[in-house]
Every structure is written in C-alpha cells, then in structure tokens.
Protein backbone atom coordinates (compact mmCIF):
# COMPACT_ATOMS: atom_id res chain seq x y z
CA MET A 1 116.93 96.73 107.78
CA LEU A 2 114.20 97.78 105.56
CA GLU A 3 112.94 94.96 103.28
CA HIS A 4 110.51 95.84 100.60
CA THR A 5 111.06 99.56 100.47
CA GLN A 6 113.19 99.70 97.35
CA ASN A 7 110.27 98.54 94.81
CA ARG A 8 106.80 99.35 96.29
CA PRO A 9 104.85 101.66 98.57
CA MET A 10 104.16 100.51 102.03
CA THR A 11 101.80 101.69 104.83
CA ARG A 12 102.70 103.51 108.15
CA GLN A 13 101.85 100.43 109.95
CA GLN A 14 104.36 98.23 107.86
CA LEU A 15 107.04 100.65 108.30
CA ALA A 16 106.47 101.02 112.01
CA GLU A 17 106.65 97.02 112.26
CA GLN A 18 109.89 97.02 110.44
CA LEU A 19 111.49 99.82 112.93
CA GLY A 20 109.94 97.77 116.05
CA ILE A 21 107.83 100.72 117.18
CA SER A 22 104.03 101.63 117.25
CA THR A 23 102.19 103.66 114.52
CA LYS A 24 101.52 106.07 117.01
CA THR A 25 105.18 106.66 117.72
CA LEU A 26 106.21 106.80 113.98
CA THR A 27 103.60 109.49 113.42
CA ARG A 28 104.94 111.45 116.29
CA PHE A 29 108.67 111.26 114.94
CA ILE A 30 107.30 112.14 111.21
CA GLN A 31 105.55 115.04 112.97
CA LYS A 32 108.70 116.14 115.19
CA GLU A 33 110.85 115.94 112.19
CA GLY A 34 108.49 118.08 110.01
CA ILE A 35 108.06 115.41 107.22
CA ASN A 36 104.85 116.27 105.24
CA ILE A 37 102.97 113.32 104.50
CA SER A 38 99.21 113.09 103.27
CA PRO A 39 96.91 111.20 105.76
CA ARG A 40 95.98 107.73 104.49
CA SER A 41 98.67 107.90 101.80
CA LEU A 42 101.14 105.05 101.13
CA LEU A 43 104.55 105.96 101.76
CA LYS A 44 106.64 105.89 98.58
CA PRO A 45 109.92 103.75 98.62
CA LYS A 46 112.29 106.65 98.80
CA LEU A 47 110.42 108.45 101.67
CA ALA A 48 110.23 105.32 103.64
CA SER A 49 113.91 104.68 103.33
CA PHE A 50 114.53 108.34 104.37
CA ILE A 51 112.35 108.04 107.39
CA PHE A 52 113.95 104.72 108.38
CA GLN A 53 117.33 106.38 107.93
CA LYS A 54 116.22 109.55 110.12
CA PHE A 55 114.84 107.43 112.90
CA HIS A 56 118.23 105.44 113.23
CA GLU A 57 120.01 108.74 113.63
CA ALA A 58 117.74 110.29 116.10
C-alpha cells in the first residue's frame, strides 16, 4: 500500500517503486489514462493516491 502519500508530495520514481514498476511503465500508464501532469513536477498526495488506485484497477 502507499506509504507516504497522505502527507507529502512524491516523485514519479517513488510512486513507481511503491507500485513495483519502472518509471517508464508508470509514465506510459499515466499517458494511457489521460492524466495530465506537468513534466518534472512532484505528484501531490491526492494525485499519487488516485494513480495508485487506478493502476490496481487496470
């Protein structure tokens, strides 16, 4: 489960590690789902949780 997303932003690499996938796979998933994220930005806690949930639904 997602550890630190409730209280601080995280990088794509941190989210990918928690999902057990590569950052490239995470990027492809984000693009496929049509989630709009600025390049090189941190993922806000709500967005990270949303992506985590969507990934497990897919």
